[in-house]
Amino acid sequence: MTIWEYLFITISPMNLQSMLYGNIEWIPLLGVLFPAPLAMIFYSTKPQATIGLMLLTILLEWKRLRWKGVTLALIPTFALAMITVTIWGLPPVPGPTNPGQYSLFPYSLILGLSALIMALKNRNIRMALFIGPFVSPYVTFHGYLPALFLFHGAIAVLVSFIPVILNIVA
């Protein structure tokens, strides 16, 4: 992914809405810039959006160093998760009646699981980013932001305007 693609994604309506509401959809996407142990920490900030990246990272670490690689990639994330749960407890899980819900679950599982198989088979980061919103039972409009990385640059921004146009027309 190039710096231009990140720039185009930054001006997408999904990212702008996310920033206006103070959400953190951009934080887990930074994980693609770091090695596996640090990347997994970033991915775990929004696991419903980055499940594909997490599984791809584990697969790549398995191919590289087997159990040692997987263990080294997961230990920092597990340690931070245990500390977080000990201090604050488990976070609440929003339900399907949550306002702003745009999930296509469970129908989107067909697309999400197919994309997961392709991402793991081809070791494709873009496809791994695409998976998240299609396997998650709750997704807001800006939750589809990682899926835009399947498209390239300006095309991603154009695709992101489709729901906005449909909302205006309806």
N, C-alpha and C. Protein backbone atom coordinates (compact mmCIF):
# COMPACT_ATOMS: atom_id res chain seq x y z
N MET A 1 0.84 -1.18 0.00
CA MET A 1 0.00 0.00 0.00
C MET A 1 0.89 1.24 0.00
N THR A 2 0.49 2.21 -0.75
CA THR A 2 1.29 3.41 -0.88
C THR A 2 0.75 4.53 0.01
N ILE A 3 1.54 5.55 0.18
CA ILE A 3 1.13 6.71 0.97
C ILE A 3 -0.08 7.39 0.33
N TRP A 4 -0.18 7.33 -1.00
CA TRP A 4 -1.32 7.93 -1.70
C TRP A 4 -2.61 7.21 -1.35
N GLU A 5 -2.53 5.90 -1.23
CA GLU A 5 -3.74 5.15 -0.86
C GLU A 5 -4.21 5.52 0.54
N TYR A 6 -3.26 5.66 1.46
CA TYR A 6 -3.63 6.10 2.80
C TYR A 6 -4.26 7.49 2.75
N LEU A 7 -3.71 8.37 1.93
CA LEU A 7 -4.25 9.72 1.79
C LEU A 7 -5.67 9.68 1.25
N PHE A 8 -5.92 8.89 0.20
CA PHE A 8 -7.27 8.79 -0.36
C PHE A 8 -8.26 8.22 0.65
N ILE A 9 -7.83 7.21 1.39
CA ILE A 9 -8.71 6.62 2.41
C ILE A 9 -9.03 7.65 3.49
N THR A 10 -8.06 8.51 3.80
CA THR A 10 -8.25 9.53 4.83
C THR A 10 -9.37 10.49 4.48
N ILE A 11 -9.57 10.77 3.19
CA ILE A 11 -10.62 11.71 2.80
C ILE A 11 -11.94 11.02 2.45
N SER A 12 -12.03 9.72 2.71
CA SER A 12 -13.27 9.00 2.42
C SER A 12 -14.34 9.40 3.44
N PRO A 13 -15.61 9.35 3.05
CA PRO A 13 -16.68 9.70 3.98
C PRO A 13 -16.68 8.82 5.23
N MET A 14 -16.28 7.57 5.09
CA MET A 14 -16.25 6.68 6.25
C MET A 14 -15.24 7.14 7.28
N ASN A 15 -14.05 7.52 6.83
CA ASN A 15 -13.04 7.99 7.76
C ASN A 15 -13.43 9.34 8.35
N LEU A 16 -13.99 10.22 7.54
CA LEU A 16 -14.40 11.53 8.06
C LEU A 16 -15.48 11.39 9.12
N GLN A 17 -16.46 10.50 8.90
CA GLN A 17 -17.49 10.27 9.91
C GLN A 17 -16.88 9.69 11.17
N SER A 18 -15.96 8.77 11.01
CA SER A 18 -15.30 8.15 12.15
C SER A 18 -14.59 9.21 13.00
N MET A 19 -13.89 10.12 12.34
CA MET A 19 -13.17 11.18 13.07
C MET A 19 -14.14 12.14 13.73
N LEU A 20 -15.25 12.47 13.06
CA LEU A 20 -16.23 13.39 13.64
C LEU A 20 -16.86 12.83 14.92
N TYR A 21 -17.06 11.52 14.96
CA TYR A 21 -17.65 10.89 16.14
C TYR A 21 -16.60 10.43 17.16
N GLY A 22 -15.34 10.69 16.89
CA GLY A 22 -14.28 10.35 17.83
C GLY A 22 -13.98 8.86 17.91
N ASN A 23 -14.23 8.13 16.84
CA ASN A 23 -13.94 6.70 16.84
C ASN A 23 -12.49 6.43 16.47
N ILE A 24 -12.09 5.18 16.61
CA ILE A 24 -10.67 4.83 16.46
C ILE A 24 -10.41 3.88 15.30
N GLU A 25 -11.22 3.91 14.26
CA GLU A 25 -11.04 2.98 13.15
C GLU A 25 -9.66 3.08 12.51
N TRP A 26 -9.02 4.20 12.62
CA TRP A 26 -7.72 4.39 12.00
C TRP A 26 -6.59 3.72 12.79
N ILE A 27 -6.78 3.52 14.09
CA ILE A 27 -5.70 2.96 14.91
C ILE A 27 -5.32 1.54 14.51
N PRO A 28 -6.27 0.60 14.37
CA PRO A 28 -5.84 -0.75 14.00
C PRO A 28 -5.21 -0.83 12.61
N LEU A 29 -5.55 0.08 11.74
CA LEU A 29 -4.98 0.07 10.39
C LEU A 29 -3.49 0.40 10.40
N LEU A 30 -3.02 1.05 11.46
CA LEU A 30 -1.59 1.34 11.58
C LEU A 30 -0.76 0.07 11.76
N GLY A 31 -1.41 -0.99 12.21
CA GLY A 31 -0.70 -2.25 12.44
C GLY A 31 0.00 -2.80 11.22
N VAL A 32 -0.48 -2.49 10.02
CA VAL A 32 0.16 -3.00 8.80
C VAL A 32 1.56 -2.42 8.62
N LEU A 33 1.89 -1.39 9.36
CA LEU A 33 3.20 -0.75 9.23
C LEU A 33 4.26 -1.34 10.16
N PHE A 34 3.87 -2.25 11.07
CA PHE A 34 4.76 -2.74 12.11
C PHE A 34 4.98 -4.24 12.04
N PRO A 35 6.04 -4.73 12.73
CA PRO A 35 6.25 -6.18 12.80
C PRO A 35 5.15 -6.85 13.63
N ALA A 36 5.04 -8.15 13.50
CA ALA A 36 3.92 -8.92 14.06
C ALA A 36 3.60 -8.64 15.53
N PRO A 37 4.55 -8.65 16.48
CA PRO A 37 4.16 -8.44 17.88
C PRO A 37 3.47 -7.09 18.11
N LEU A 38 3.98 -6.05 17.51
CA LEU A 38 3.38 -4.73 17.65
C LEU A 38 2.11 -4.60 16.81
N ALA A 39 2.11 -5.19 15.64
CA ALA A 39 0.93 -5.16 14.76
C ALA A 39 -0.27 -5.80 15.46
N MET A 40 -0.06 -6.91 16.14
CA MET A 40 -1.17 -7.60 16.81
C MET A 40 -1.79 -6.72 17.90
N ILE A 41 -0.98 -5.91 18.55
CA ILE A 41 -1.52 -4.98 19.56
C ILE A 41 -2.43 -3.96 18.89
N PHE A 42 -1.99 -3.41 17.77
CA PHE A 42 -2.82 -2.46 17.03
C PHE A 42 -4.10 -3.13 16.54
N TYR A 43 -3.98 -4.33 15.97
CA TYR A 43 -5.15 -5.05 15.46
C TYR A 43 -6.16 -5.33 16.56
N SER A 44 -5.68 -5.60 17.75
CA SER A 44 -6.59 -5.97 18.84
C SER A 44 -7.40 -4.79 19.36
N THR A 45 -7.09 -3.57 18.94
CA THR A 45 -7.92 -2.43 19.36
C THR A 45 -9.30 -2.46 18.71
N LYS A 46 -9.43 -3.11 17.56
CA LYS A 46 -10.72 -3.30 16.89
C LYS A 46 -10.71 -4.68 16.24
N PRO A 47 -10.78 -5.75 17.04
CA PRO A 47 -10.65 -7.09 16.47
C PRO A 47 -11.77 -7.44 15.48
N GLN A 48 -12.95 -6.85 15.65
CA GLN A 48 -14.03 -7.15 14.71
C GLN A 48 -13.71 -6.60 13.32
N ALA A 49 -12.86 -5.61 13.23
CA ALA A 49 -12.49 -5.03 11.94
C ALA A 49 -11.23 -5.68 11.37
N THR A 50 -10.40 -6.25 12.23
CA THR A 50 -9.10 -6.73 11.77
C THR A 50 -8.90 -8.24 11.95
N ILE A 51 -9.98 -8.98 12.10
CA ILE A 51 -9.85 -10.43 12.30
C ILE A 51 -9.07 -11.09 11.17
N GLY A 52 -9.28 -10.63 9.95
CA GLY A 52 -8.55 -11.18 8.80
C GLY A 52 -7.06 -10.92 8.91
N LEU A 53 -6.69 -9.70 9.31
CA LEU A 53 -5.28 -9.37 9.47
C LEU A 53 -4.65 -10.16 10.60
N MET A 54 -5.40 -10.37 11.68
CA MET A 54 -4.87 -11.15 12.80
C MET A 54 -4.57 -12.58 12.37
N LEU A 55 -5.52 -13.20 11.67
CA LEU A 55 -5.31 -14.57 11.21
C LEU A 55 -4.19 -14.67 10.18
N LEU A 56 -4.11 -13.69 9.29
CA LEU A 56 -3.03 -13.68 8.29
C LEU A 56 -1.68 -13.52 8.96
N THR A 57 -1.59 -12.65 9.95
CA THR A 57 -0.33 -12.44 10.68
C THR A 57 0.10 -13.72 11.39
N ILE A 58 -0.86 -14.40 12.02
CA ILE A 58 -0.54 -15.66 12.70
C ILE A 58 -0.07 -16.70 11.68
N LEU A 59 -0.74 -16.78 10.54
CA LEU A 59 -0.32 -17.72 9.49
C LEU A 59 1.09 -17.42 9.01
N LEU A 60 1.38 -16.14 8.76
CA LEU A 60 2.71 -15.77 8.27
C LEU A 60 3.79 -16.07 9.31
N GLU A 61 3.48 -15.82 10.57
CA GLU A 61 4.44 -16.13 11.64
C GLU A 61 4.63 -17.64 11.77
N TRP A 62 3.57 -18.41 11.56
CA TRP A 62 3.67 -19.86 11.59
C TRP A 62 4.59 -20.33 10.46
N LYS A 63 4.41 -19.77 9.28
CA LYS A 63 5.25 -20.16 8.13
C LYS A 63 6.71 -19.78 8.36
N ARG A 64 6.91 -18.67 9.06
CA ARG A 64 8.26 -18.15 9.26
C ARG A 64 9.01 -18.90 10.38
N LEU A 65 8.40 -18.98 11.56
CA LEU A 65 9.10 -19.54 12.72
C LEU A 65 8.31 -20.60 13.49
N ARG A 66 7.23 -21.07 12.93
CA ARG A 66 6.37 -22.07 13.59
C ARG A 66 5.87 -21.55 14.94
N TRP A 67 5.85 -22.42 15.95
CA TRP A 67 5.28 -22.05 17.25
C TRP A 67 5.98 -20.86 17.89
N LYS A 68 7.27 -20.77 17.70
CA LYS A 68 8.03 -19.67 18.28
C LYS A 68 7.54 -18.33 17.73
N GLY A 69 7.32 -18.25 16.41
CA GLY A 69 6.85 -17.02 15.79
C GLY A 69 5.45 -16.64 16.25
N VAL A 70 4.56 -17.63 16.33
CA VAL A 70 3.18 -17.38 16.76
C VAL A 70 3.19 -16.91 18.22
N THR A 71 3.96 -17.59 19.05
CA THR A 71 4.03 -17.22 20.47
C THR A 71 4.59 -15.82 20.65
N LEU A 72 5.67 -15.51 19.96
CA LEU A 72 6.26 -14.17 20.08
C LEU A 72 5.31 -13.08 19.57
N ALA A 73 4.51 -13.40 18.56
CA ALA A 73 3.56 -12.42 18.03
C ALA A 73 2.39 -12.19 18.98
N LEU A 74 1.99 -13.22 19.72
CA LEU A 74 0.79 -13.12 20.55
C LEU A 74 1.04 -12.72 22.01
N ILE A 75 2.22 -12.98 22.54
CA ILE A 75 2.48 -12.70 23.97
C ILE A 75 2.22 -11.24 24.35
N PRO A 76 2.72 -10.25 23.63
CA PRO A 76 2.44 -8.87 24.04
C PRO A 76 0.95 -8.53 24.05
N THR A 77 0.22 -9.02 23.07
CA THR A 77 -1.22 -8.74 23.00
C THR A 77 -1.96 -9.41 24.14
N PHE A 78 -1.64 -10.68 24.42
CA PHE A 78 -2.29 -11.37 25.54
C PHE A 78 -1.97 -10.71 26.87
N ALA A 79 -0.72 -10.29 27.05
CA ALA A 79 -0.34 -9.63 28.30
C ALA A 79 -1.13 -8.32 28.48
N LEU A 80 -1.20 -7.51 27.45
CA LEU A 80 -1.96 -6.26 27.55
C LEU A 80 -3.45 -6.52 27.73
N ALA A 81 -3.98 -7.55 27.07
CA ALA A 81 -5.40 -7.89 27.22
C ALA A 81 -5.70 -8.31 28.66
N MET A 82 -4.84 -9.10 29.25
CA MET A 82 -5.05 -9.54 30.64
C MET A 82 -5.00 -8.35 31.60
N ILE A 83 -4.07 -7.46 31.39
CA ILE A 83 -3.97 -6.27 32.23
C ILE A 83 -5.23 -5.42 32.08
N THR A 84 -5.67 -5.22 30.85
CA THR A 84 -6.85 -4.41 30.58
C THR A 84 -8.10 -5.00 31.21
N VAL A 85 -8.32 -6.29 31.03
CA VAL A 85 -9.50 -6.94 31.59
C VAL A 85 -9.45 -6.93 33.12
N THR A 86 -8.27 -7.08 33.68
CA THR A 86 -8.13 -7.04 35.14
C THR A 86 -8.49 -5.66 35.69
N ILE A 87 -8.07 -4.63 35.01
CA ILE A 87 -8.32 -3.26 35.50
C ILE A 87 -9.75 -2.81 35.20
N TRP A 88 -10.23 -2.99 33.96
CA TRP A 88 -11.51 -2.41 33.56
C TRP A 88 -12.63 -3.43 33.32
N GLY A 89 -12.32 -4.70 33.27
CA GLY A 89 -13.34 -5.71 32.98
C GLY A 89 -13.60 -5.80 31.49
N LEU A 90 -14.57 -6.65 31.14
CA LEU A 90 -14.90 -6.82 29.72
C LEU A 90 -15.73 -5.66 29.22
N PRO A 91 -15.50 -5.24 27.97
CA PRO A 91 -16.29 -4.13 27.42
C PRO A 91 -17.70 -4.59 27.06
N PRO A 92 -18.65 -3.66 27.04
CA PRO A 92 -20.01 -4.05 26.62
C PRO A 92 -20.04 -4.32 25.12
N VAL A 93 -20.88 -5.25 24.72
CA VAL A 93 -21.01 -5.59 23.30
C VAL A 93 -22.32 -4.99 22.80
N PRO A 94 -22.26 -4.11 21.78
CA PRO A 94 -23.50 -3.53 21.26
C PRO A 94 -24.35 -4.58 20.57
N GLY A 95 -25.63 -4.43 20.67
CA GLY A 95 -26.56 -5.37 20.06
C GLY A 95 -27.02 -4.91 18.69
N PRO A 96 -27.88 -5.70 18.05
CA PRO A 96 -28.36 -5.36 16.71
C PRO A 96 -29.28 -4.14 16.69
N THR A 97 -29.78 -3.73 17.84
CA THR A 97 -30.65 -2.55 17.89
C THR A 97 -29.85 -1.27 18.12
N ASN A 98 -28.54 -1.39 18.13
CA ASN A 98 -27.66 -0.25 18.32
C ASN A 98 -27.89 0.76 17.18
N PRO A 99 -28.10 2.06 17.49
CA PRO A 99 -28.30 3.02 16.40
C PRO A 99 -27.09 3.09 15.48
N GLY A 100 -27.34 3.29 14.23
CA GLY A 100 -26.25 3.38 13.26
C GLY A 100 -25.76 2.03 12.79
N GLN A 101 -26.53 0.99 13.03
CA GLN A 101 -26.15 -0.37 12.68
C GLN A 101 -26.31 -0.60 11.18
N TYR A 102 -25.23 -0.98 10.52
CA TYR A 102 -25.25 -1.24 9.08
C TYR A 102 -24.72 -2.63 8.74
N SER A 103 -24.82 -3.54 9.70
CA SER A 103 -24.30 -4.89 9.49
C SER A 103 -25.21 -5.68 8.57
N LEU A 104 -24.60 -6.50 7.75
CA LEU A 104 -25.33 -7.40 6.86
C LEU A 104 -25.29 -8.83 7.40
N PHE A 105 -24.81 -8.98 8.62
CA PHE A 105 -24.67 -10.28 9.27
C PHE A 105 -26.03 -10.92 9.47
N PRO A 106 -26.22 -12.16 9.29
CA PRO A 106 -25.31 -13.27 8.97
C PRO A 106 -25.13 -13.50 7.46
N TYR A 107 -25.87 -12.75 6.65
CA TYR A 107 -25.80 -12.95 5.19
C TYR A 107 -24.42 -12.63 4.63
N SER A 108 -23.73 -11.69 5.25
CA SER A 108 -22.42 -11.28 4.77
C SER A 108 -21.33 -12.32 5.08
N LEU A 109 -21.65 -13.32 5.90
CA LEU A 109 -20.66 -14.35 6.22
C LEU A 109 -20.19 -15.10 4.96
N ILE A 110 -21.06 -15.24 4.00
CA ILE A 110 -20.68 -15.93 2.75
C ILE A 110 -19.53 -15.17 2.10
N LEU A 111 -19.67 -13.87 1.98
CA LEU A 111 -18.63 -13.04 1.40
C LEU A 111 -17.40 -12.99 2.31
N GLY A 112 -17.61 -12.80 3.60
CA GLY A 112 -16.50 -12.68 4.54
C GLY A 112 -15.65 -13.93 4.65
N LEU A 113 -16.29 -15.09 4.75
CA LEU A 113 -15.53 -16.33 4.87
C LEU A 113 -14.84 -16.70 3.56
N SER A 114 -15.47 -16.39 2.44
CA SER A 114 -14.82 -16.61 1.13
C SER A 114 -13.58 -15.73 1.01
N ALA A 115 -13.71 -14.48 1.41
CA ALA A 115 -12.57 -13.56 1.37
C ALA A 115 -11.47 -14.01 2.33
N LEU A 116 -11.85 -14.55 3.49
CA LEU A 116 -10.86 -15.05 4.45
C LEU A 116 -10.06 -16.19 3.85
N ILE A 117 -10.73 -17.11 3.20
CA ILE A 117 -10.03 -18.24 2.57
C ILE A 117 -9.07 -17.73 1.50
N MET A 118 -9.53 -16.78 0.68
CA MET A 118 -8.66 -16.23 -0.36
C MET A 118 -7.48 -15.48 0.23
N ALA A 119 -7.72 -14.70 1.30
CA ALA A 119 -6.65 -13.92 1.93
C ALA A 119 -5.58 -14.83 2.50
N LEU A 120 -5.99 -15.90 3.17
CA LEU A 120 -5.02 -16.81 3.76
C LEU A 120 -4.30 -17.62 2.69
N LYS A 121 -5.02 -18.05 1.68
CA LYS A 121 -4.42 -18.84 0.61
C LYS A 121 -3.38 -18.02 -0.16
N ASN A 122 -3.73 -16.77 -0.48
CA ASN A 122 -2.84 -15.92 -1.28
C ASN A 122 -1.95 -15.01 -0.45
N ARG A 123 -2.13 -15.05 0.88
CA ARG A 123 -1.39 -14.18 1.81
C ARG A 123 -1.53 -12.71 1.38
N ASN A 124 -2.77 -12.31 1.17
CA ASN A 124 -3.09 -10.99 0.63
C ASN A 124 -3.58 -10.06 1.74
N ILE A 125 -2.80 -9.03 2.04
CA ILE A 125 -3.15 -8.08 3.11
C ILE A 125 -4.42 -7.31 2.77
N ARG A 126 -4.56 -6.89 1.54
CA ARG A 126 -5.76 -6.13 1.14
C ARG A 126 -7.03 -6.95 1.36
N MET A 127 -6.99 -8.20 0.98
CA MET A 127 -8.15 -9.07 1.16
C MET A 127 -8.40 -9.31 2.65
N ALA A 128 -7.34 -9.42 3.44
CA ALA A 128 -7.48 -9.60 4.89
C ALA A 128 -8.13 -8.38 5.53
N LEU A 129 -7.83 -7.19 5.04
CA LEU A 129 -8.47 -5.97 5.54
C LEU A 129 -9.96 -5.95 5.18
N PHE A 130 -10.30 -6.50 4.04
CA PHE A 130 -11.67 -6.50 3.52
C PHE A 130 -12.62 -7.32 4.40
N ILE A 131 -12.13 -8.33 5.06
CA ILE A 131 -12.95 -9.33 5.75
C ILE A 131 -13.75 -8.78 6.92
N GLY A 132 -13.14 -7.98 7.77
CA GLY A 132 -13.71 -7.55 9.05
C GLY A 132 -15.19 -7.20 9.08
N PRO A 133 -15.63 -6.23 8.31
CA PRO A 133 -17.04 -5.84 8.40
C PRO A 133 -18.02 -6.90 7.92
N PHE A 134 -17.53 -7.90 7.21
CA PHE A 134 -18.42 -8.90 6.67
C PHE A 134 -18.56 -10.14 7.56
N VAL A 135 -17.75 -10.23 8.61
CA VAL A 135 -17.89 -11.33 9.56
C VAL A 135 -18.33 -10.84 10.94
N SER A 136 -18.46 -9.55 11.10
CA SER A 136 -18.84 -8.96 12.38
C SER A 136 -20.35 -8.79 12.47
N PRO A 137 -20.94 -9.16 13.62
CA PRO A 137 -22.40 -9.01 13.75
C PRO A 137 -22.86 -7.57 13.97
N TYR A 138 -21.95 -6.66 14.25
CA TYR A 138 -22.33 -5.26 14.39
C TYR A 138 -21.29 -4.39 13.69
N VAL A 139 -21.77 -3.56 12.77
CA VAL A 139 -20.90 -2.69 11.99
C VAL A 139 -21.60 -1.37 11.77
N THR A 140 -20.90 -0.29 12.02
CA THR A 140 -21.43 1.04 11.71
C THR A 140 -20.93 1.44 10.32
N PHE A 141 -21.39 2.56 9.83
CA PHE A 141 -21.00 3.03 8.49
C PHE A 141 -19.49 3.10 8.37
N HIS A 142 -18.84 3.72 9.36
CA HIS A 142 -17.38 3.86 9.27
C HIS A 142 -16.66 2.54 9.58
N GLY A 143 -17.38 1.52 10.01
CA GLY A 143 -16.80 0.20 10.24
C GLY A 143 -16.38 -0.49 8.95
N TYR A 144 -16.89 0.00 7.83
CA TYR A 144 -16.52 -0.57 6.53
C TYR A 144 -15.21 0.03 5.99
N LEU A 145 -14.61 0.92 6.72
CA LEU A 145 -13.37 1.57 6.29
C LEU A 145 -12.27 0.58 5.90
N PRO A 146 -11.98 -0.46 6.71
CA PRO A 146 -10.91 -1.39 6.29
C PRO A 146 -11.19 -2.10 4.97
N ALA A 147 -12.45 -2.29 4.64
CA ALA A 147 -12.80 -2.96 3.38
C ALA A 147 -12.40 -2.13 2.17
N LEU A 148 -12.25 -0.82 2.35
CA LEU A 148 -11.87 0.04 1.22
C LEU A 148 -10.47 -0.27 0.70
N PHE A 149 -9.61 -0.85 1.56
CA PHE A 149 -8.24 -1.11 1.13
C PHE A 149 -8.14 -2.19 0.06
N LEU A 150 -9.23 -2.93 -0.17
CA LEU A 150 -9.23 -3.90 -1.26
C LEU A 150 -9.14 -3.17 -2.59
N PHE A 151 -9.72 -1.99 -2.64
CA PHE A 151 -9.68 -1.17 -3.85
C PHE A 151 -8.43 -0.31 -3.82
N HIS A 152 -8.06 0.27 -4.91
CA HIS A 152 -6.84 1.05 -4.97
C HIS A 152 -7.13 2.55 -5.02
N GLY A 153 -6.51 3.29 -4.10
CA GLY A 153 -6.51 4.74 -4.11
C GLY A 153 -7.83 5.43 -4.32
N ALA A 154 -7.92 6.20 -5.40
CA ALA A 154 -9.09 7.01 -5.68
C ALA A 154 -10.34 6.16 -5.90
N ILE A 155 -10.17 4.95 -6.38
CA ILE A 155 -11.32 4.06 -6.57
C ILE A 155 -11.97 3.76 -5.23
N ALA A 156 -11.14 3.60 -4.19
CA ALA A 156 -11.68 3.34 -2.85
C ALA A 156 -12.55 4.48 -2.37
N VAL A 157 -12.12 5.70 -2.61
CA VAL A 157 -12.91 6.86 -2.20
C VAL A 157 -14.21 6.91 -2.99
N LEU A 158 -14.15 6.65 -4.29
CA LEU A 158 -15.37 6.62 -5.10
C LEU A 158 -16.34 5.56 -4.60
N VAL A 159 -15.84 4.39 -4.26
CA VAL A 159 -16.68 3.32 -3.73
C VAL A 159 -17.30 3.75 -2.40
N SER A 160 -16.54 4.47 -1.60
CA SER A 160 -17.05 4.88 -0.28
C SER A 160 -18.19 5.89 -0.39
N PHE A 161 -18.32 6.55 -1.53
CA PHE A 161 -19.41 7.51 -1.70
C PHE A 161 -20.73 6.85 -2.11
N ILE A 162 -20.70 5.58 -2.49
CA ILE A 162 -21.93 4.89 -2.92
C ILE A 162 -23.00 4.92 -1.82
N PRO A 163 -22.69 4.54 -0.56
CA PRO A 163 -23.74 4.60 0.47
C PRO A 163 -24.23 6.02 0.73
N VAL A 164 -23.35 6.99 0.62
CA VAL A 164 -23.75 8.39 0.83
C VAL A 164 -24.74 8.79 -0.24
N ILE A 165 -24.46 8.46 -1.50
CA ILE A 165 -25.36 8.80 -2.61
C ILE A 165 -26.68 8.07 -2.45
N LEU A 166 -26.63 6.80 -2.07
CA LEU A 166 -27.86 6.03 -1.87
C LEU A 166 -28.69 6.62 -0.74
N ASN A 167 -28.06 7.12 0.27
CA ASN A 167 -28.76 7.74 1.39
C ASN A 167 -29.43 9.04 0.96
N ILE A 168 -28.79 9.79 0.09
CA ILE A 168 -29.35 11.06 -0.40
C ILE A 168 -30.54 10.79 -1.31
N VAL A 169 -30.42 9.78 -2.18
CA VAL A 169 -31.47 9.44 -3.12
C VAL A 169 -32.70 8.89 -2.42
N ALA A 170 -32.49 8.10 -1.36
CA ALA A 170 -33.61 7.43 -0.66
C ALA A 170 -34.46 8.37 0.14
